[in-house]
N, C-alpha and C. Protein backbone atom coordinates (compact mmCIF):
# COMPACT_ATOMS: atom_id res chain seq x y z
N MET A 1 -86.90 56.67 245.07
CA MET A 1 -87.96 57.47 244.64
C MET A 1 -88.97 57.64 245.78
N THR A 2 -89.42 58.91 245.99
CA THR A 2 -90.35 59.09 247.04
C THR A 2 -91.63 59.90 246.59
N ASP A 3 -92.75 59.58 247.13
CA ASP A 3 -93.99 60.27 246.81
C ASP A 3 -94.45 60.96 248.00
N VAL A 4 -95.19 62.04 247.80
CA VAL A 4 -95.75 62.81 248.89
C VAL A 4 -97.29 62.49 248.83
N ARG A 5 -97.90 62.19 250.06
CA ARG A 5 -99.26 62.05 250.19
C ARG A 5 -99.78 62.54 251.49
N ALA A 6 -101.08 62.59 251.74
CA ALA A 6 -101.68 63.01 252.99
C ALA A 6 -101.32 61.90 253.93
N ALA A 7 -101.06 62.36 255.16
CA ALA A 7 -100.85 61.33 256.28
C ALA A 7 -102.08 60.70 256.75
N THR A 8 -102.02 59.52 257.13
CA THR A 8 -103.17 58.85 257.72
C THR A 8 -102.87 58.53 259.17
N GLU A 9 -103.96 58.14 259.91
CA GLU A 9 -103.77 57.81 261.30
C GLU A 9 -102.83 56.69 261.51
N ALA A 10 -102.82 55.71 260.55
CA ALA A 10 -101.91 54.53 260.64
C ALA A 10 -100.47 55.01 260.51
N ASP A 11 -100.09 56.21 259.97
CA ASP A 11 -98.81 56.67 259.71
C ASP A 11 -98.16 57.28 261.08
N LEU A 12 -99.00 57.59 261.97
CA LEU A 12 -98.53 58.41 263.16
C LEU A 12 -97.30 57.86 263.78
N ASP A 13 -97.25 56.62 264.18
CA ASP A 13 -96.07 56.10 264.88
C ASP A 13 -94.81 56.33 264.08
N ALA A 14 -94.86 56.00 262.73
CA ALA A 14 -93.85 56.15 261.75
C ALA A 14 -93.38 57.62 261.56
N ILE A 15 -94.40 58.55 261.59
CA ILE A 15 -94.08 60.03 261.45
C ILE A 15 -93.22 60.41 262.75
N VAL A 16 -93.72 59.93 263.90
CA VAL A 16 -93.04 60.28 265.19
C VAL A 16 -91.59 59.86 265.12
N ALA A 17 -91.45 58.66 264.73
CA ALA A 17 -90.11 57.99 264.67
C ALA A 17 -89.24 58.73 263.64
N VAL A 18 -89.74 59.32 262.51
CA VAL A 18 -88.93 60.12 261.56
C VAL A 18 -88.52 61.37 262.35
N HIS A 19 -89.37 61.99 263.03
CA HIS A 19 -89.01 63.31 263.76
C HIS A 19 -87.97 62.99 264.83
N HIS A 20 -88.13 61.86 265.60
CA HIS A 20 -87.14 61.64 266.58
C HIS A 20 -85.72 61.32 265.96
N ALA A 21 -85.72 60.57 264.87
CA ALA A 21 -84.38 60.34 264.25
C ALA A 21 -83.88 61.52 263.62
N ALA A 22 -84.66 62.33 263.00
CA ALA A 22 -84.19 63.62 262.38
C ALA A 22 -83.58 64.66 263.32
N PHE A 23 -84.24 64.81 264.39
CA PHE A 23 -83.80 65.74 265.37
C PHE A 23 -82.98 65.22 266.55
N GLY A 24 -82.92 63.93 266.70
CA GLY A 24 -82.11 63.26 267.71
C GLY A 24 -82.72 63.54 269.20
N ARG A 25 -83.98 63.79 269.26
CA ARG A 25 -84.64 64.12 270.53
C ARG A 25 -86.12 64.00 270.33
N PRO A 26 -86.86 63.78 271.39
CA PRO A 26 -88.26 63.47 271.30
C PRO A 26 -89.23 64.70 271.00
N ASN A 27 -88.69 65.90 271.27
CA ASN A 27 -89.64 67.05 271.26
C ASN A 27 -90.51 67.25 270.01
N GLU A 28 -89.92 67.18 268.81
CA GLU A 28 -90.81 67.49 267.59
C GLU A 28 -91.73 66.23 267.35
N GLY A 29 -91.30 65.12 267.55
CA GLY A 29 -92.21 63.97 267.33
C GLY A 29 -93.32 63.99 268.38
N ASP A 30 -93.08 64.35 269.60
CA ASP A 30 -94.12 64.51 270.56
C ASP A 30 -95.08 65.61 270.25
N LEU A 31 -94.51 66.62 269.71
CA LEU A 31 -95.31 67.83 269.29
C LEU A 31 -96.38 67.39 268.16
N VAL A 32 -95.82 66.58 267.18
CA VAL A 32 -96.70 66.06 266.10
C VAL A 32 -97.85 65.24 266.78
N ARG A 33 -97.46 64.44 267.66
CA ARG A 33 -98.44 63.39 268.32
C ARG A 33 -99.56 64.36 269.09
N ARG A 34 -99.12 65.27 269.83
CA ARG A 34 -100.06 66.16 270.50
C ARG A 34 -100.92 66.96 269.46
N LEU A 35 -100.45 67.45 268.46
CA LEU A 35 -101.24 68.10 267.45
C LEU A 35 -102.33 67.21 266.71
N VAL A 36 -101.78 66.05 266.30
CA VAL A 36 -102.67 65.11 265.71
C VAL A 36 -103.82 64.61 266.78
N GLU A 37 -103.41 64.34 267.93
CA GLU A 37 -104.35 63.79 268.91
C GLU A 37 -105.39 64.89 269.39
N THR A 38 -104.99 66.12 269.27
CA THR A 38 -105.94 67.20 269.66
C THR A 38 -106.68 67.74 268.39
N GLY A 39 -106.50 67.16 267.15
CA GLY A 39 -107.15 67.62 266.03
C GLY A 39 -106.69 68.89 265.42
N GLN A 40 -105.38 69.27 265.80
CA GLN A 40 -104.91 70.59 265.33
C GLN A 40 -103.88 70.39 264.26
N ALA A 41 -103.85 69.20 263.66
CA ALA A 41 -102.93 68.96 262.45
C ALA A 41 -103.91 69.23 261.19
N THR A 42 -103.80 70.53 260.90
CA THR A 42 -104.73 71.02 259.70
C THR A 42 -104.27 70.30 258.42
N ILE A 43 -103.07 70.35 258.19
CA ILE A 43 -102.46 69.61 256.96
C ILE A 43 -101.25 68.88 257.45
N SER A 44 -101.28 67.61 257.10
CA SER A 44 -100.17 66.65 257.50
C SER A 44 -99.89 65.83 256.26
N LEU A 45 -98.66 65.98 255.77
CA LEU A 45 -98.27 65.23 254.66
C LEU A 45 -97.06 64.42 254.92
N VAL A 46 -96.89 63.22 254.32
CA VAL A 46 -95.73 62.31 254.42
C VAL A 46 -95.09 62.09 253.06
N ALA A 47 -93.78 61.90 253.15
CA ALA A 47 -93.11 61.41 251.97
C ALA A 47 -92.80 59.92 252.23
N VAL A 48 -93.16 59.16 251.25
CA VAL A 48 -92.97 57.72 251.40
C VAL A 48 -92.02 57.12 250.37
N ASP A 49 -91.34 56.07 250.58
CA ASP A 49 -90.57 55.32 249.67
C ASP A 49 -91.29 54.42 248.85
N ASP A 50 -90.64 53.64 248.04
CA ASP A 50 -91.39 52.72 247.11
C ASP A 50 -92.18 51.64 247.88
N ASP A 51 -91.76 51.36 249.13
CA ASP A 51 -92.45 50.43 249.96
C ASP A 51 -93.55 51.07 250.74
N ASP A 52 -93.90 52.30 250.56
CA ASP A 52 -94.85 53.14 251.31
C ASP A 52 -94.46 53.26 252.80
N ALA A 53 -93.11 53.23 253.07
CA ALA A 53 -92.60 53.55 254.40
C ALA A 53 -92.46 55.10 254.47
N VAL A 54 -92.87 55.65 255.69
CA VAL A 54 -92.69 57.12 255.83
C VAL A 54 -91.21 57.44 256.06
N VAL A 55 -90.76 58.47 255.18
CA VAL A 55 -89.33 58.77 255.30
C VAL A 55 -89.30 60.32 255.59
N GLY A 56 -90.41 61.04 255.55
CA GLY A 56 -90.48 62.50 255.79
C GLY A 56 -91.83 62.92 256.23
N HIS A 57 -91.95 64.06 256.80
CA HIS A 57 -93.27 64.59 257.22
C HIS A 57 -93.17 66.08 257.38
N VAL A 58 -94.32 66.73 257.01
CA VAL A 58 -94.55 68.18 257.27
C VAL A 58 -95.96 68.37 257.85
N LEU A 59 -96.08 69.33 258.83
CA LEU A 59 -97.39 69.48 259.37
C LEU A 59 -97.64 70.98 259.42
N PHE A 60 -98.79 71.37 259.19
CA PHE A 60 -99.27 72.81 259.24
C PHE A 60 -100.44 72.76 260.37
N SER A 61 -100.39 73.73 261.21
CA SER A 61 -101.48 73.84 262.21
C SER A 61 -101.99 75.27 262.36
N PRO A 62 -103.08 75.41 262.95
CA PRO A 62 -103.77 76.82 263.06
C PRO A 62 -102.86 77.77 263.90
N LEU A 63 -102.94 79.04 263.69
CA LEU A 63 -102.34 80.17 264.29
C LEU A 63 -103.43 81.10 264.62
N THR A 64 -103.14 81.92 265.64
CA THR A 64 -104.04 83.11 265.79
C THR A 64 -103.25 84.32 265.60
N VAL A 65 -103.80 85.37 265.10
CA VAL A 65 -103.25 86.67 264.88
C VAL A 65 -103.88 87.65 265.79
N GLU A 66 -103.08 88.44 266.51
CA GLU A 66 -103.66 89.37 267.51
C GLU A 66 -104.62 90.27 266.91
N ASN A 67 -104.43 90.86 265.80
CA ASN A 67 -105.33 91.73 265.09
C ASN A 67 -105.75 91.20 263.77
N GLY A 68 -107.00 91.18 263.49
CA GLY A 68 -107.43 90.62 262.18
C GLY A 68 -107.63 89.20 262.00
N ASP A 69 -107.49 88.36 263.11
CA ASP A 69 -107.59 86.96 262.97
C ASP A 69 -108.87 86.50 262.29
N ASP A 70 -108.76 85.52 261.32
CA ASP A 70 -109.98 85.11 260.69
C ASP A 70 -109.86 83.59 260.55
N GLY A 71 -108.83 82.99 261.23
CA GLY A 71 -108.74 81.49 261.19
C GLY A 71 -108.13 80.97 259.96
N LYS A 72 -107.57 81.85 259.09
CA LYS A 72 -107.00 81.45 257.86
C LYS A 72 -105.58 81.61 257.81
N ALA A 73 -104.84 81.59 258.90
CA ALA A 73 -103.41 81.61 258.98
C ALA A 73 -102.85 80.24 259.55
N LEU A 74 -101.92 79.63 258.90
CA LEU A 74 -101.28 78.41 259.39
C LEU A 74 -99.90 78.47 259.72
N GLY A 75 -99.44 77.63 260.62
CA GLY A 75 -97.97 77.63 260.86
C GLY A 75 -97.36 76.30 260.33
N LEU A 76 -96.19 76.33 259.65
CA LEU A 76 -95.49 75.28 259.19
C LEU A 76 -94.65 74.78 260.20
N ALA A 77 -94.77 73.66 260.83
CA ALA A 77 -93.84 73.11 261.91
C ALA A 77 -94.53 71.88 262.48
N PRO A 78 -93.81 70.88 262.73
CA PRO A 78 -92.42 70.69 262.31
C PRO A 78 -92.33 70.05 260.92
N VAL A 79 -91.19 69.97 260.39
CA VAL A 79 -90.89 69.21 259.09
C VAL A 79 -89.59 68.38 259.34
N ALA A 80 -89.57 67.20 258.91
CA ALA A 80 -88.47 66.34 259.22
C ALA A 80 -88.32 65.28 258.03
N VAL A 81 -87.09 64.83 257.78
CA VAL A 81 -86.80 63.89 256.81
C VAL A 81 -85.83 62.99 257.58
N HIS A 82 -85.90 61.70 257.40
CA HIS A 82 -85.01 60.77 257.94
C HIS A 82 -83.61 60.98 257.67
N PRO A 83 -82.77 60.92 258.58
CA PRO A 83 -81.28 61.37 258.39
C PRO A 83 -80.68 60.70 257.26
N ASP A 84 -80.96 59.51 256.91
CA ASP A 84 -80.24 58.81 255.81
C ASP A 84 -80.72 59.33 254.46
N LEU A 85 -81.88 60.10 254.50
CA LEU A 85 -82.32 60.58 253.18
C LEU A 85 -82.41 62.21 253.12
N GLN A 86 -81.72 62.76 253.97
CA GLN A 86 -81.68 64.28 253.95
C GLN A 86 -80.83 64.70 252.84
N ARG A 87 -81.07 65.99 252.45
CA ARG A 87 -80.39 66.65 251.40
C ARG A 87 -80.49 66.10 249.97
N GLN A 88 -81.72 65.41 249.77
CA GLN A 88 -82.03 64.85 248.53
C GLN A 88 -83.39 65.50 248.03
N GLY A 89 -83.83 66.63 248.56
CA GLY A 89 -84.97 67.31 247.99
C GLY A 89 -86.33 66.87 248.63
N ILE A 90 -86.27 65.89 249.54
CA ILE A 90 -87.53 65.42 250.06
C ILE A 90 -88.22 66.45 250.99
N GLY A 91 -87.46 67.20 251.80
CA GLY A 91 -88.00 68.22 252.54
C GLY A 91 -88.60 69.31 251.86
N HIS A 92 -87.91 69.67 250.71
CA HIS A 92 -88.37 70.72 249.78
C HIS A 92 -89.67 70.32 249.13
N ALA A 93 -89.63 69.08 248.70
CA ALA A 93 -90.93 68.59 248.02
C ALA A 93 -92.10 68.52 249.03
N LEU A 94 -91.91 68.22 250.34
CA LEU A 94 -92.96 68.18 251.32
C LEU A 94 -93.46 69.59 251.58
N ILE A 95 -92.52 70.56 251.71
CA ILE A 95 -92.86 71.94 252.04
C ILE A 95 -93.71 72.44 250.80
N GLU A 96 -93.16 72.22 249.59
CA GLU A 96 -93.85 72.73 248.37
C GLU A 96 -95.30 72.19 248.31
N GLU A 97 -95.44 70.91 248.42
CA GLU A 97 -96.76 70.23 248.35
C GLU A 97 -97.63 70.87 249.49
N GLY A 98 -97.09 71.02 250.74
CA GLY A 98 -97.78 71.51 251.79
C GLY A 98 -98.37 72.96 251.61
N ILE A 99 -97.50 73.77 251.04
CA ILE A 99 -97.97 75.13 250.76
C ILE A 99 -98.98 75.13 249.72
N GLY A 100 -99.02 74.29 248.71
CA GLY A 100 -100.09 74.10 247.81
C GLY A 100 -101.39 73.62 248.52
N ALA A 101 -101.27 72.75 249.39
CA ALA A 101 -102.48 72.20 250.14
C ALA A 101 -102.95 73.30 251.01
N CYS A 102 -102.20 74.23 251.53
CA CYS A 102 -102.66 75.34 252.30
C CYS A 102 -103.46 76.29 251.51
N PHE A 103 -102.96 76.48 250.26
CA PHE A 103 -103.70 77.41 249.35
C PHE A 103 -104.97 76.79 248.91
N VAL A 104 -105.01 75.52 248.62
CA VAL A 104 -106.19 74.78 248.37
C VAL A 104 -107.17 74.80 249.49
N ALA A 105 -106.74 74.78 250.79
CA ALA A 105 -107.58 74.80 251.92
C ALA A 105 -108.03 76.21 252.28
N ASP A 106 -107.78 77.16 251.44
CA ASP A 106 -108.23 78.60 251.61
C ASP A 106 -107.51 79.34 252.68
N ALA A 107 -106.26 78.90 253.01
CA ALA A 107 -105.46 79.63 253.92
C ALA A 107 -105.03 80.93 253.30
N ARG A 108 -104.86 81.99 254.10
CA ARG A 108 -104.36 83.34 253.56
C ARG A 108 -102.83 83.49 253.71
N ALA A 109 -102.20 82.75 254.67
CA ALA A 109 -100.88 82.97 254.99
C ALA A 109 -100.30 81.84 255.67
N VAL A 110 -99.05 81.55 255.42
CA VAL A 110 -98.30 80.55 256.18
C VAL A 110 -97.16 81.18 256.86
N PHE A 111 -97.00 80.84 258.15
CA PHE A 111 -95.93 81.35 258.96
C PHE A 111 -94.93 80.24 259.31
N VAL A 112 -93.59 80.58 259.46
CA VAL A 112 -92.66 79.55 259.93
C VAL A 112 -91.63 80.29 260.75
N LEU A 113 -91.12 79.51 261.62
CA LEU A 113 -89.93 79.94 262.52
C LEU A 113 -88.77 79.09 262.10
N GLY A 114 -87.89 79.62 261.21
CA GLY A 114 -86.78 78.76 260.74
C GLY A 114 -85.76 79.67 259.97
N SER A 115 -84.89 78.91 259.32
CA SER A 115 -83.77 79.59 258.56
C SER A 115 -84.20 80.47 257.46
N PRO A 116 -83.98 81.86 257.59
CA PRO A 116 -84.32 82.69 256.36
C PRO A 116 -83.78 82.19 255.09
N ALA A 117 -82.48 81.74 255.17
CA ALA A 117 -81.92 81.28 253.89
C ALA A 117 -82.68 80.10 253.25
N TYR A 118 -83.06 79.07 254.03
CA TYR A 118 -83.72 77.98 253.59
C TYR A 118 -85.24 78.33 253.12
N TYR A 119 -86.08 79.03 254.00
CA TYR A 119 -87.39 79.28 253.67
C TYR A 119 -87.55 80.39 252.79
N GLY A 120 -86.60 81.26 252.59
CA GLY A 120 -86.66 82.25 251.60
C GLY A 120 -86.86 81.72 250.17
N ALA A 121 -86.30 80.48 249.95
CA ALA A 121 -86.47 79.90 248.67
C ALA A 121 -87.75 79.48 248.26
N PHE A 122 -88.75 79.43 249.31
CA PHE A 122 -90.22 79.22 249.00
C PHE A 122 -90.90 80.46 249.01
N GLY A 123 -90.28 81.66 249.09
CA GLY A 123 -90.94 82.93 249.13
C GLY A 123 -91.26 83.62 250.52
N PHE A 124 -90.82 82.93 251.60
CA PHE A 124 -91.16 83.44 252.96
C PHE A 124 -90.26 84.68 253.10
N THR A 125 -90.74 85.69 253.88
CA THR A 125 -90.07 86.86 254.16
C THR A 125 -90.23 87.20 255.68
N ARG A 126 -89.42 88.11 256.16
CA ARG A 126 -89.57 88.42 257.58
C ARG A 126 -90.91 88.96 257.96
N ALA A 127 -91.58 88.38 258.86
CA ALA A 127 -92.94 88.80 259.26
C ALA A 127 -92.91 90.17 259.94
N SER A 128 -91.90 90.59 260.51
CA SER A 128 -91.76 91.89 261.14
C SER A 128 -91.88 93.00 260.15
N ALA A 129 -91.60 92.68 258.81
CA ALA A 129 -91.69 93.66 257.88
C ALA A 129 -93.14 94.01 257.58
N PHE A 130 -94.14 93.21 258.14
CA PHE A 130 -95.60 93.47 257.95
C PHE A 130 -96.25 93.68 259.35
N GLY A 131 -95.48 94.11 260.41
CA GLY A 131 -95.97 94.42 261.68
C GLY A 131 -96.38 93.12 262.47
N LEU A 132 -95.82 92.04 262.11
CA LEU A 132 -96.13 90.68 262.80
C LEU A 132 -94.96 90.17 263.61
N HIS A 133 -95.06 89.58 264.80
CA HIS A 133 -94.11 89.03 265.56
C HIS A 133 -94.64 87.73 266.23
N ASP A 134 -93.81 86.96 266.72
CA ASP A 134 -94.22 85.66 267.39
C ASP A 134 -93.82 85.81 268.82
N ALA A 135 -94.47 84.82 269.74
CA ALA A 135 -94.27 84.82 271.12
C ALA A 135 -92.86 84.23 271.49
N PHE A 136 -92.20 83.64 270.49
CA PHE A 136 -90.79 83.06 270.84
C PHE A 136 -89.65 83.92 270.56
N ASP A 137 -90.06 85.31 270.18
CA ASP A 137 -88.92 86.16 269.84
C ASP A 137 -87.95 85.69 268.78
N GLY A 138 -88.59 85.19 267.69
CA GLY A 138 -87.83 84.60 266.60
C GLY A 138 -87.16 85.68 265.70
N GLY A 139 -87.44 86.82 265.85
CA GLY A 139 -86.75 87.88 264.99
C GLY A 139 -86.86 87.64 263.56
N ASN A 140 -85.76 87.65 262.94
CA ASN A 140 -85.64 87.42 261.44
C ASN A 140 -86.11 86.00 261.08
N ALA A 141 -86.05 85.10 262.00
CA ALA A 141 -86.38 83.67 261.71
C ALA A 141 -87.83 83.48 261.55
N PHE A 142 -88.51 84.45 262.12
CA PHE A 142 -90.10 84.33 262.09
C PHE A 142 -90.54 84.89 260.80
N GLN A 143 -90.98 84.06 259.86
CA GLN A 143 -91.26 84.50 258.59
C GLN A 143 -92.74 84.21 258.07
N VAL A 144 -93.17 84.83 256.99
CA VAL A 144 -94.46 84.73 256.53
C VAL A 144 -94.50 84.50 255.04
N LEU A 145 -95.37 83.74 254.50
CA LEU A 145 -95.63 83.68 253.11
C LEU A 145 -97.12 83.90 252.82
N PRO A 146 -97.53 85.10 252.27
CA PRO A 146 -98.87 85.27 252.02
C PRO A 146 -99.35 84.46 250.77
N LEU A 147 -100.46 83.90 250.84
CA LEU A 147 -100.83 82.90 249.72
C LEU A 147 -101.70 83.59 248.65
N THR A 148 -102.14 84.82 248.97
CA THR A 148 -102.90 85.65 248.04
C THR A 148 -102.34 87.07 248.07
N VAL A 149 -102.78 87.80 247.05
CA VAL A 149 -102.37 89.26 247.02
C VAL A 149 -102.62 89.99 248.28
N ALA A 150 -103.78 89.79 248.92
CA ALA A 150 -104.22 90.43 250.07
C ALA A 150 -104.04 89.46 251.29
N GLY A 151 -103.22 88.52 251.24
CA GLY A 151 -102.94 87.55 252.25
C GLY A 151 -102.78 88.04 253.61
N LEU A 152 -102.04 89.19 253.84
CA LEU A 152 -101.83 89.73 255.12
C LEU A 152 -102.63 90.94 255.50
N GLU A 153 -103.68 91.28 254.62
CA GLU A 153 -104.37 92.45 254.84
C GLU A 153 -105.13 92.29 256.15
N GLY A 154 -104.94 93.37 256.97
CA GLY A 154 -105.75 93.35 258.36
C GLY A 154 -104.94 92.65 259.48
N TYR A 155 -103.94 91.89 259.13
CA TYR A 155 -103.16 91.15 260.13
C TYR A 155 -102.13 92.06 260.74
N ALA A 156 -102.05 92.02 262.07
CA ALA A 156 -101.02 92.82 262.75
C ALA A 156 -100.93 92.24 264.16
N GLY A 157 -99.74 92.53 264.77
CA GLY A 157 -99.45 92.17 266.15
C GLY A 157 -98.87 90.80 266.31
N ARG A 158 -99.05 90.22 267.46
CA ARG A 158 -98.53 88.95 267.80
C ARG A 158 -99.17 87.75 267.11
N VAL A 159 -98.42 86.84 266.67
CA VAL A 159 -98.95 85.55 266.03
C VAL A 159 -98.67 84.47 267.02
N ASP A 160 -99.63 83.70 267.41
CA ASP A 160 -99.46 82.68 268.38
C ASP A 160 -99.90 81.31 267.78
N TYR A 161 -98.96 80.40 268.08
CA TYR A 161 -99.16 78.99 267.74
C TYR A 161 -100.00 78.34 268.75
N VAL A 162 -100.65 77.19 268.49
CA VAL A 162 -101.58 76.52 269.41
C VAL A 162 -100.77 76.11 270.69
N PRO A 163 -101.46 75.95 271.85
CA PRO A 163 -100.69 75.62 273.08
C PRO A 163 -99.78 74.40 272.97
N ALA A 164 -100.07 73.54 272.10
CA ALA A 164 -99.20 72.32 271.99
C ALA A 164 -97.83 72.61 271.80
N PHE A 165 -97.44 73.74 271.12
CA PHE A 165 -96.15 74.10 270.87
C PHE A 165 -95.33 74.62 272.19
N SER A 166 -96.07 74.96 273.25
CA SER A 166 -95.46 75.32 274.45
C SER A 166 -95.30 74.23 275.48
N GLU A 167 -96.07 73.13 275.27
CA GLU A 167 -96.02 72.01 276.11
C GLU A 167 -94.73 71.24 275.89
N GLY A 168 -94.24 70.64 276.96
CA GLY A 168 -93.08 69.73 276.79
C GLY A 168 -91.78 70.35 276.36
N LEU A 169 -91.69 71.73 276.46
CA LEU A 169 -90.43 72.38 276.07
C LEU A 169 -89.40 72.15 277.30
């Protein structure tokens, strides 16, 4: 059984370890560390087992929108679940709880660069359908989820992640 809760400073090393294990490389874990250390982890949630050990993590950070930016757009990335526990709904629970936390935090929209088949289940759709694109040329993989009826109103152009995403690539 796993629970989802807000990440704490004490969780950081365990969070990084989960990302390293899930992706088999240091990039995503190092990104999380940079985002946390620079205060750009707007929403950071962990999934923990019965012993309160971190087994999964999701992070949402600020984005800027070329036209209409109001500081209320967030990017979902990265998300990871320990390889031994993948495909058990933990990632889904983290993302669902995270989207809810974004709504509570008064975000207007959440963006993600990932599998349209996977993220479509949460309501994400192609950002290009709304005149939005990313700096990574993600195409159909760059998606958005408006959190309110007017969530994308006034937004147009390029959506940029914070510089930490380009460091260490």
